[in-house]
Amino acid sequence: MSSTDEPAPTPPRATDGALPGMSRLIVAGYILALVMPVFGLVVGVVLLNRPDKLEIKHGIWITAVSIVAGFVFFLALILNAHGAGSETGS
């Protein structure tokens, strides 16, 4: 034992490997924005109401990605429905 009163080193935390400033909510928001845009939009709005500037910035991007992905999904749905009804069998 040493004669100095040094504290024991703390064990590494599970979040040490994560990107700095990236919370699970932000990561989930980007994933949901692409896979389920409605839920991604909700997460984006929640992040917009947080006090942290980094979370607000990500909230803006998640909201924008959700809107674009929702538009693309809607457009694909409309084009698929329109194309399926106009096919002629031979």
PDB file of N, CA and C in Angstrom:
ATOM      1  N   MET A   1       0.842  -1.183   0.000  1.00  0.00           N
ATOM      2  CA  MET A   1       0.000   0.000   0.000  1.00  0.00           C
ATOM      3  C   MET A   1       0.877   1.231   0.000  1.00  0.00           C
ATOM      4  N   SER A   2       0.434   2.253  -0.666  1.00  0.00           N
ATOM      5  CA  SER A   2       1.208   3.484  -0.705  1.00  0.00           C
ATOM      6  C   SER A   2       0.820   4.370   0.466  1.00  0.00           C
ATOM      7  N   SER A   3       1.722   5.262   0.786  1.00  0.00           N
ATOM      8  CA  SER A   3       1.458   6.142   1.919  1.00  0.00           C
ATOM      9  C   SER A   3       0.619   7.351   1.530  1.00  0.00           C
ATOM     10  N   THR A   4       0.381   7.546   0.230  1.00  0.00           N
ATOM     11  CA  THR A   4      -0.444   8.681  -0.203  1.00  0.00           C
ATOM     12  C   THR A   4      -1.906   8.272  -0.219  1.00  0.00           C
ATOM     13  N   ASP A   5      -2.755   9.225  -0.063  1.00  0.00           N
ATOM     14  CA  ASP A   5      -4.199   8.965  -0.061  1.00  0.00           C
ATOM     15  C   ASP A   5      -4.789   9.222  -1.444  1.00  0.00           C
ATOM     16  N   GLU A   6      -4.336   8.490  -2.413  1.00  0.00           N
ATOM     17  CA  GLU A   6      -4.864   8.636  -3.768  1.00  0.00           C
ATOM     18  C   GLU A   6      -6.098   7.761  -3.907  1.00  0.00           C
ATOM     19  N   PRO A   7      -7.127   8.290  -4.552  1.00  0.00           N
ATOM     20  CA  PRO A   7      -8.316   7.461  -4.745  1.00  0.00           C
ATOM     21  C   PRO A   7      -8.041   6.362  -5.760  1.00  0.00           C
ATOM     22  N   ALA A   8      -8.742   5.276  -5.598  1.00  0.00           N
ATOM     23  CA  ALA A   8      -8.604   4.162  -6.540  1.00  0.00           C
ATOM     24  C   ALA A   8      -9.162   4.585  -7.896  1.00  0.00           C
ATOM     25  N   PRO A   9      -8.546   4.113  -8.979  1.00  0.00           N
ATOM     26  CA  PRO A   9      -9.063   4.490 -10.302  1.00  0.00           C
ATOM     27  C   PRO A   9     -10.473   3.937 -10.502  1.00  0.00           C
ATOM     28  N   THR A  10     -11.281   4.715 -11.167  1.00  0.00           N
ATOM     29  CA  THR A  10     -12.658   4.281 -11.412  1.00  0.00           C
ATOM     30  C   THR A  10     -12.686   3.340 -12.607  1.00  0.00           C
ATOM     31  N   PRO A  11     -13.547   2.342 -12.570  1.00  0.00           N
ATOM     32  CA  PRO A  11     -13.641   1.435 -13.714  1.00  0.00           C
ATOM     33  C   PRO A  11     -14.261   2.159 -14.903  1.00  0.00           C
ATOM     34  N   PRO A  12     -13.938   1.710 -16.118  1.00  0.00           N
ATOM     35  CA  PRO A  12     -14.514   2.379 -17.295  1.00  0.00           C
ATOM     36  C   PRO A  12     -16.021   2.223 -17.330  1.00  0.00           C
ATOM     37  N   ARG A  13     -16.686   3.271 -17.773  1.00  0.00           N
ATOM     38  CA  ARG A  13     -18.145   3.244 -17.892  1.00  0.00           C
ATOM     39  C   ARG A  13     -18.539   2.689 -19.247  1.00  0.00           C
ATOM     40  N   ALA A  14     -19.764   2.265 -19.342  1.00  0.00           N
ATOM     41  CA  ALA A  14     -20.261   1.682 -20.596  1.00  0.00           C
ATOM     42  C   ALA A  14     -20.360   2.724 -21.707  1.00  0.00           C
ATOM     43  N   THR A  15     -20.464   4.010 -21.359  1.00  0.00           N
ATOM     44  CA  THR A  15     -20.622   5.056 -22.365  1.00  0.00           C
ATOM     45  C   THR A  15     -19.289   5.633 -22.822  1.00  0.00           C
ATOM     46  N   ASP A  16     -18.165   5.109 -22.315  1.00  0.00           N
ATOM     47  CA  ASP A  16     -16.884   5.675 -22.704  1.00  0.00           C
ATOM     48  C   ASP A  16     -16.585   5.490 -24.184  1.00  0.00           C
ATOM     49  N   GLY A  17     -17.106   4.452 -24.813  1.00  0.00           N
ATOM     50  CA  GLY A  17     -16.853   4.215 -26.223  1.00  0.00           C
ATOM     51  C   GLY A  17     -17.785   4.989 -27.139  1.00  0.00           C
ATOM     52  N   ALA A  18     -18.793   5.629 -26.595  1.00  0.00           N
ATOM     53  CA  ALA A  18     -19.765   6.358 -27.417  1.00  0.00           C
ATOM     54  C   ALA A  18     -19.162   7.658 -27.912  1.00  0.00           C
ATOM     55  N   LEU A  19     -19.751   8.173 -28.953  1.00  0.00           N
ATOM     56  CA  LEU A  19     -19.314   9.458 -29.468  1.00  0.00           C
ATOM     57  C   LEU A  19     -19.643  10.546 -28.465  1.00  0.00           C
ATOM     58  N   PRO A  20     -18.777  11.520 -28.323  1.00  0.00           N
ATOM     59  CA  PRO A  20     -19.063  12.584 -27.359  1.00  0.00           C
ATOM     60  C   PRO A  20     -20.330  13.354 -27.749  1.00  0.00           C
ATOM     61  N   GLY A  21     -21.201  13.547 -26.812  1.00  0.00           N
ATOM     62  CA  GLY A  21     -22.414  14.321 -27.051  1.00  0.00           C
ATOM     63  C   GLY A  21     -23.545  13.544 -27.688  1.00  0.00           C
ATOM     64  N   MET A  22     -23.344  12.277 -27.957  1.00  0.00           N
ATOM     65  CA  MET A  22     -24.394  11.482 -28.591  1.00  0.00           C
ATOM     66  C   MET A  22     -25.155  10.709 -27.533  1.00  0.00           C
ATOM     67  N   SER A  23     -26.369  11.089 -27.289  1.00  0.00           N
ATOM     68  CA  SER A  23     -27.200  10.345 -26.349  1.00  0.00           C
ATOM     69  C   SER A  23     -27.948   9.251 -27.105  1.00  0.00           C
ATOM     70  N   ARG A  24     -28.486   8.324 -26.369  1.00  0.00           N
ATOM     71  CA  ARG A  24     -29.248   7.245 -26.999  1.00  0.00           C
ATOM     72  C   ARG A  24     -30.479   7.781 -27.705  1.00  0.00           C
ATOM     73  N   LEU A  25     -31.056   8.839 -27.163  1.00  0.00           N
ATOM     74  CA  LEU A  25     -32.248   9.422 -27.780  1.00  0.00           C
ATOM     75  C   LEU A  25     -31.919  10.005 -29.158  1.00  0.00           C
ATOM     76  N   ILE A  26     -30.756  10.605 -29.299  1.00  0.00           N
ATOM     77  CA  ILE A  26     -30.355  11.163 -30.592  1.00  0.00           C
ATOM     78  C   ILE A  26     -30.156  10.044 -31.611  1.00  0.00           C
ATOM     79  N   VAL A  27     -29.456   8.997 -31.211  1.00  0.00           N
ATOM     80  CA  VAL A  27     -29.223   7.870 -32.120  1.00  0.00           C
ATOM     81  C   VAL A  27     -30.551   7.221 -32.505  1.00  0.00           C
ATOM     82  N   ALA A  28     -31.413   7.011 -31.519  1.00  0.00           N
ATOM     83  CA  ALA A  28     -32.728   6.427 -31.798  1.00  0.00           C
ATOM     84  C   ALA A  28     -33.543   7.340 -32.706  1.00  0.00           C
ATOM     85  N   GLY A  29     -33.398   8.642 -32.535  1.00  0.00           N
ATOM     86  CA  GLY A  29     -34.126   9.588 -33.371  1.00  0.00           C
ATOM     87  C   GLY A  29     -33.750   9.481 -34.833  1.00  0.00           C
ATOM     88  N   TYR A  30     -32.447   9.375 -35.112  1.00  0.00           N
ATOM     89  CA  TYR A  30     -32.019   9.233 -36.504  1.00  0.00           C
ATOM     90  C   TYR A  30     -32.500   7.907 -37.101  1.00  0.00           C
ATOM     91  N   ILE A  31     -32.434   6.844 -36.320  1.00  0.00           N
ATOM     92  CA  ILE A  31     -32.893   5.543 -36.817  1.00  0.00           C
ATOM     93  C   ILE A  31     -34.392   5.577 -37.086  1.00  0.00           C
ATOM     94  N   LEU A  32     -35.149   6.122 -36.136  1.00  0.00           N
ATOM     95  CA  LEU A  32     -36.599   6.199 -36.319  1.00  0.00           C
ATOM     96  C   LEU A  32     -36.979   7.138 -37.460  1.00  0.00           C
ATOM     97  N   ALA A  33     -36.208   8.189 -37.652  1.00  0.00           N
ATOM     98  CA  ALA A  33     -36.503   9.124 -38.740  1.00  0.00           C
ATOM     99  C   ALA A  33     -36.437   8.436 -40.095  1.00  0.00           C
ATOM    100  N   LEU A  34     -35.542   7.469 -40.224  1.00  0.00           N
ATOM    101  CA  LEU A  34     -35.411   6.772 -41.495  1.00  0.00           C
ATOM    102  C   LEU A  34     -36.352   5.587 -41.622  1.00  0.00           C
ATOM    103  N   VAL A  35     -36.612   4.884 -40.521  1.00  0.00           N
ATOM    104  CA  VAL A  35     -37.404   3.665 -40.579  1.00  0.00           C
ATOM    105  C   VAL A  35     -38.894   3.946 -40.356  1.00  0.00           C
ATOM    106  N   MET A  36     -39.192   4.770 -39.354  1.00  0.00           N
ATOM    107  CA  MET A  36     -40.576   5.127 -39.023  1.00  0.00           C
ATOM    108  C   MET A  36     -40.639   6.650 -38.833  1.00  0.00           C
ATOM    109  N   PRO A  37     -40.819   7.386 -39.926  1.00  0.00           N
ATOM    110  CA  PRO A  37     -40.710   8.844 -39.864  1.00  0.00           C
ATOM    111  C   PRO A  37     -41.636   9.533 -38.863  1.00  0.00           C
ATOM    112  N   VAL A  38     -42.803   8.990 -38.609  1.00  0.00           N
ATOM    113  CA  VAL A  38     -43.727   9.633 -37.659  1.00  0.00           C
ATOM    114  C   VAL A  38     -43.116   9.637 -36.258  1.00  0.00           C
ATOM    115  N   PHE A  39     -42.545   8.500 -35.853  1.00  0.00           N
ATOM    116  CA  PHE A  39     -41.929   8.422 -34.531  1.00  0.00           C
ATOM    117  C   PHE A  39     -40.632   9.242 -34.484  1.00  0.00           C
ATOM    118  N   GLY A  40     -39.903   9.266 -35.596  1.00  0.00           N
ATOM    119  CA  GLY A  40     -38.713  10.106 -35.663  1.00  0.00           C
ATOM    120  C   GLY A  40     -39.064  11.573 -35.516  1.00  0.00           C
ATOM    121  N   LEU A  41     -40.192  11.973 -36.077  1.00  0.00           N
ATOM    122  CA  LEU A  41     -40.648  13.356 -35.942  1.00  0.00           C
ATOM    123  C   LEU A  41     -40.953  13.684 -34.486  1.00  0.00           C
ATOM    124  N   VAL A  42     -41.562  12.748 -33.776  1.00  0.00           N
ATOM    125  CA  VAL A  42     -41.857  12.959 -32.360  1.00  0.00           C
ATOM    126  C   VAL A  42     -40.560  13.120 -31.560  1.00  0.00           C
ATOM    127  N   VAL A  43     -39.585  12.262 -31.823  1.00  0.00           N
ATOM    128  CA  VAL A  43     -38.306  12.365 -31.117  1.00  0.00           C
ATOM    129  C   VAL A  43     -37.617  13.683 -31.472  1.00  0.00           C
ATOM    130  N   GLY A  44     -37.692  14.100 -32.712  1.00  0.00           N
ATOM    131  CA  GLY A  44     -37.099  15.375 -33.117  1.00  0.00           C
ATOM    132  C   GLY A  44     -37.718  16.552 -32.391  1.00  0.00           C
ATOM    133  N   VAL A  45     -39.026  16.547 -32.243  1.00  0.00           N
ATOM    134  CA  VAL A  45     -39.710  17.627 -31.529  1.00  0.00           C
ATOM    135  C   VAL A  45     -39.344  17.611 -30.043  1.00  0.00           C
ATOM    136  N   VAL A  46     -39.221  16.407 -29.472  1.00  0.00           N
ATOM    137  CA  VAL A  46     -38.800  16.309 -28.073  1.00  0.00           C
ATOM    138  C   VAL A  46     -37.398  16.910 -27.897  1.00  0.00           C
ATOM    139  N   LEU A  47     -36.491  16.595 -28.823  1.00  0.00           N
ATOM    140  CA  LEU A  47     -35.133  17.134 -28.731  1.00  0.00           C
ATOM    141  C   LEU A  47     -35.104  18.644 -28.951  1.00  0.00           C
ATOM    142  N   LEU A  48     -36.035  19.162 -29.733  1.00  0.00           N
ATOM    143  CA  LEU A  48     -36.094  20.615 -29.943  1.00  0.00           C
ATOM    144  C   LEU A  48     -36.448  21.355 -28.662  1.00  0.00           C
ATOM    145  N   ASN A  49     -37.113  20.682 -27.737  1.00  0.00           N
ATOM    146  CA  ASN A  49     -37.529  21.327 -26.494  1.00  0.00           C
ATOM    147  C   ASN A  49     -36.551  21.103 -25.350  1.00  0.00           C
ATOM    148  N   ARG A  50     -35.391  20.528 -25.617  1.00  0.00           N
ATOM    149  CA  ARG A  50     -34.374  20.321 -24.595  1.00  0.00           C
ATOM    150  C   ARG A  50     -33.522  21.584 -24.449  1.00  0.00           C
ATOM    151  N   PRO A  51     -32.918  21.793 -23.283  1.00  0.00           N
ATOM    152  CA  PRO A  51     -32.114  23.009 -23.084  1.00  0.00           C
ATOM    153  C   PRO A  51     -30.725  22.950 -23.725  1.00  0.00           C
ATOM    154  N   ASP A  52     -30.209  21.745 -24.017  1.00  0.00           N
ATOM    155  CA  ASP A  52     -28.867  21.599 -24.567  1.00  0.00           C
ATOM    156  C   ASP A  52     -28.845  21.990 -26.048  1.00  0.00           C
ATOM    157  N   LYS A  53     -27.895  22.838 -26.430  1.00  0.00           N
ATOM    158  CA  LYS A  53     -27.829  23.309 -27.817  1.00  0.00           C
ATOM    159  C   LYS A  53     -27.511  22.181 -28.788  1.00  0.00           C
ATOM    160  N   LEU A  54     -26.693  21.224 -28.364  1.00  0.00           N
ATOM    161  CA  LEU A  54     -26.362  20.094 -29.233  1.00  0.00           C
ATOM    162  C   LEU A  54     -27.602  19.250 -29.515  1.00  0.00           C
ATOM    163  N   GLU A  55     -28.419  19.033 -28.502  1.00  0.00           N
ATOM    164  CA  GLU A  55     -29.642  18.255 -28.703  1.00  0.00           C
ATOM    165  C   GLU A  55     -30.629  19.012 -29.585  1.00  0.00           C
ATOM    166  N   ILE A  56     -30.675  20.329 -29.465  1.00  0.00           N
ATOM    167  CA  ILE A  56     -31.550  21.128 -30.328  1.00  0.00           C
ATOM    168  C   ILE A  56     -31.107  21.015 -31.780  1.00  0.00           C
ATOM    169  N   LYS A  57     -29.791  21.061 -32.001  1.00  0.00           N
ATOM    170  CA  LYS A  57     -29.262  20.939 -33.363  1.00  0.00           C
ATOM    171  C   LYS A  57     -29.637  19.592 -33.960  1.00  0.00           C
ATOM    172  N   HIS A  58     -29.467  18.527 -33.197  1.00  0.00           N
ATOM    173  CA  HIS A  58     -29.845  17.210 -33.688  1.00  0.00           C
ATOM    174  C   HIS A  58     -31.359  17.098 -33.854  1.00  0.00           C
ATOM    175  N   GLY A  59     -32.112  17.763 -32.988  1.00  0.00           N
ATOM    176  CA  GLY A  59     -33.570  17.763 -33.120  1.00  0.00           C
ATOM    177  C   GLY A  59     -34.017  18.366 -34.439  1.00  0.00           C
ATOM    178  N   ILE A  60     -33.344  19.433 -34.860  1.00  0.00           N
ATOM    179  CA  ILE A  60     -33.661  20.058 -36.154  1.00  0.00           C
ATOM    180  C   ILE A  60     -33.396  19.076 -37.292  1.00  0.00           C
ATOM    181  N   TRP A  61     -32.231  18.425 -37.241  1.00  0.00           N
ATOM    182  CA  TRP A  61     -31.877  17.484 -38.305  1.00  0.00           C
ATOM    183  C   TRP A  61     -32.791  16.264 -38.306  1.00  0.00           C
ATOM    184  N   ILE A  62     -33.108  15.739 -37.141  1.00  0.00           N
ATOM    185  CA  ILE A  62     -33.981  14.566 -37.065  1.00  0.00           C
ATOM    186  C   ILE A  62     -35.370  14.918 -37.587  1.00  0.00           C
ATOM    187  N   THR A  63     -35.863  16.107 -37.250  1.00  0.00           N
ATOM    188  CA  THR A  63     -37.167  16.546 -37.750  1.00  0.00           C
ATOM    189  C   THR A  63     -37.142  16.672 -39.271  1.00  0.00           C
ATOM    190  N   ALA A  64     -36.077  17.239 -39.807  1.00  0.00           N
ATOM    191  CA  ALA A  64     -35.963  17.405 -41.257  1.00  0.00           C
ATOM    192  C   ALA A  64     -35.869  16.058 -41.965  1.00  0.00           C
ATOM    193  N   VAL A  65     -35.070  15.140 -41.432  1.00  0.00           N
ATOM    194  CA  VAL A  65     -34.941  13.812 -42.033  1.00  0.00           C
ATOM    195  C   VAL A  65     -36.278  13.080 -41.972  1.00  0.00           C
ATOM    196  N   SER A  66     -37.005  13.229 -40.874  1.00  0.00           N
ATOM    197  CA  SER A  66     -38.313  12.585 -40.745  1.00  0.00           C
ATOM    198  C   SER A  66     -39.293  13.102 -41.787  1.00  0.00           C
ATOM    199  N   ILE A  67     -39.291  14.399 -42.004  1.00  0.00           N
ATOM    200  CA  ILE A  67     -40.211  14.987 -42.993  1.00  0.00           C
ATOM    201  C   ILE A  67     -39.856  14.516 -44.393  1.00  0.00           C
ATOM    202  N   VAL A  68     -38.577  14.509 -44.727  1.00  0.00           N
ATOM    203  CA  VAL A  68     -38.149  14.061 -46.060  1.00  0.00           C
ATOM    204  C   VAL A  68     -38.453  12.572 -46.245  1.00  0.00           C
ATOM    205  N   ALA A  69     -38.136  11.758 -45.241  1.00  0.00           N
ATOM    206  CA  ALA A  69     -38.402  10.318 -45.349  1.00  0.00           C
ATOM    207  C   ALA A  69     -39.903  10.047 -45.437  1.00  0.00           C
ATOM    208  N   GLY A  70     -40.698  10.783 -44.675  1.00  0.00           N
ATOM    209  CA  GLY A  70     -42.148  10.630 -44.759  1.00  0.00           C
ATOM    210  C   GLY A  70     -42.671  10.979 -46.135  1.00  0.00           C
ATOM    211  N   PHE A  71     -42.128  12.035 -46.727  1.00  0.00           N
ATOM    212  CA  PHE A  71     -42.527  12.428 -48.075  1.00  0.00           C
ATOM    213  C   PHE A  71     -42.137  11.352 -49.088  1.00  0.00           C
ATOM    214  N   VAL A  72     -40.934  10.813 -48.951  1.00  0.00           N
ATOM    215  CA  VAL A  72     -40.482   9.754 -49.866  1.00  0.00           C
ATOM    216  C   VAL A  72     -41.355   8.512 -49.714  1.00  0.00           C
ATOM    217  N   PHE A  73     -41.677   8.127 -48.471  1.00  0.00           N
ATOM    218  CA  PHE A  73     -42.549   6.971 -48.256  1.00  0.00           C
ATOM    219  C   PHE A  73     -43.933   7.221 -48.863  1.00  0.00           C
ATOM    220  N   PHE A  74     -44.474   8.405 -48.661  1.00  0.00           N
ATOM    221  CA  PHE A  74     -45.788   8.749 -49.203  1.00  0.00           C
ATOM    222  C   PHE A  74     -45.760   8.730 -50.728  1.00  0.00           C
ATOM    223  N   LEU A  75     -44.713   9.290 -51.313  1.00  0.00           N
ATOM    224  CA  LEU A  75     -44.576   9.318 -52.760  1.00  0.00           C
ATOM    225  C   LEU A  75     -44.468   7.900 -53.325  1.00  0.00           C
ATOM    226  N   ALA A  76     -43.700   7.049 -52.653  1.00  0.00           N
ATOM    227  CA  ALA A  76     -43.572   5.664 -53.099  1.00  0.00           C
ATOM    228  C   ALA A  76     -44.909   4.934 -53.002  1.00  0.00           C
ATOM    229  N   LEU A  77     -45.657   5.205 -51.951  1.00  0.00           N
ATOM    230  CA  LEU A  77     -46.965   4.582 -51.783  1.00  0.00           C
ATOM    231  C   LEU A  77     -47.923   5.020 -52.893  1.00  0.00           C
ATOM    232  N   ILE A  78     -47.937   6.311 -53.188  1.00  0.00           N
ATOM    233  CA  ILE A  78     -48.824   6.841 -54.225  1.00  0.00           C
ATOM    234  C   ILE A  78     -48.434   6.300 -55.602  1.00  0.00           C
ATOM    235  N   LEU A  79     -47.133   6.303 -55.891  1.00  0.00           N
ATOM    236  CA  LEU A  79     -46.692   5.804 -57.194  1.00  0.00           C
ATOM    237  C   LEU A  79     -46.939   4.310 -57.331  1.00  0.00           C
ATOM    238  N   ASN A  80     -46.789   3.571 -56.266  1.00  0.00           N
ATOM    239  CA  ASN A  80     -47.049   2.137 -56.315  1.00  0.00           C
ATOM    240  C   ASN A  80     -48.536   1.871 -56.521  1.00  0.00           C
ATOM    241  N   ALA A  81     -49.372   2.610 -55.825  1.00  0.00           N
ATOM    242  CA  ALA A  81     -50.817   2.430 -55.980  1.00  0.00           C
ATOM    243  C   ALA A  81     -51.263   2.837 -57.380  1.00  0.00           C
ATOM    244  N   HIS A  82     -50.688   3.910 -57.894  1.00  0.00           N
ATOM    245  CA  HIS A  82     -51.045   4.377 -59.229  1.00  0.00           C
ATOM    246  C   HIS A  82     -50.557   3.389 -60.286  1.00  0.00           C
ATOM    247  N   GLY A  83     -49.358   2.873 -60.118  1.00  0.00           N
ATOM    248  CA  GLY A  83     -48.805   1.932 -61.092  1.00  0.00           C
ATOM    249  C   GLY A  83     -49.509   0.600 -61.062  1.00  0.00           C
ATOM    250  N   ALA A  84     -49.945   0.130 -59.902  1.00  0.00           N
ATOM    251  CA  ALA A  84     -50.611  -1.170 -59.794  1.00  0.00           C
ATOM    252  C   ALA A  84     -51.988  -1.140 -60.453  1.00  0.00           C
ATOM    253  N   GLY A  85     -52.661  -0.016 -60.408  1.00  0.00           N
ATOM    254  CA  GLY A  85     -53.994   0.081 -60.994  1.00  0.00           C
ATOM    255  C   GLY A  85     -53.976   0.254 -62.500  1.00  0.00           C
ATOM    256  N   SER A  86     -52.871   0.686 -63.075  1.00  0.00           N
ATOM    257  CA  SER A  86     -52.839   0.953 -64.500  1.00  0.00           C
ATOM    258  C   SER A  86     -52.212  -0.166 -65.315  1.00  0.00           C
ATOM    259  N   GLU A  87     -51.798  -1.263 -64.641  1.00  0.00           N
ATOM    260  CA  GLU A  87     -51.193  -2.369 -65.394  1.00  0.00           C
ATOM    261  C   GLU A  87     -52.262  -3.117 -66.163  1.00  0.00           C
ATOM    262  N   THR A  88     -51.899  -3.550 -67.335  1.00  0.00           N
ATOM    263  CA  THR A  88     -52.821  -4.350 -68.140  1.00  0.00           C
ATOM    264  C   THR A  88     -52.229  -5.734 -68.280  1.00  0.00           C
ATOM    265  N   GLY A  89     -53.028  -6.737 -68.066  1.00  0.00           N
ATOM    266  CA  GLY A  89     -52.561  -8.118 -68.209  1.00  0.00           C
ATOM    267  C   GLY A  89     -52.595  -8.550 -69.655  1.00  0.00           C
ATOM    268  N   SER A  90     -51.666  -9.404 -70.054  1.00  0.00           N
ATOM    269  CA  SER A  90     -51.681  -9.878 -71.443  1.00  0.00           C
ATOM    270  C   SER A  90     -51.836 -11.373 -71.512  1.00  0.00           C
TER     271      SER A  90
END
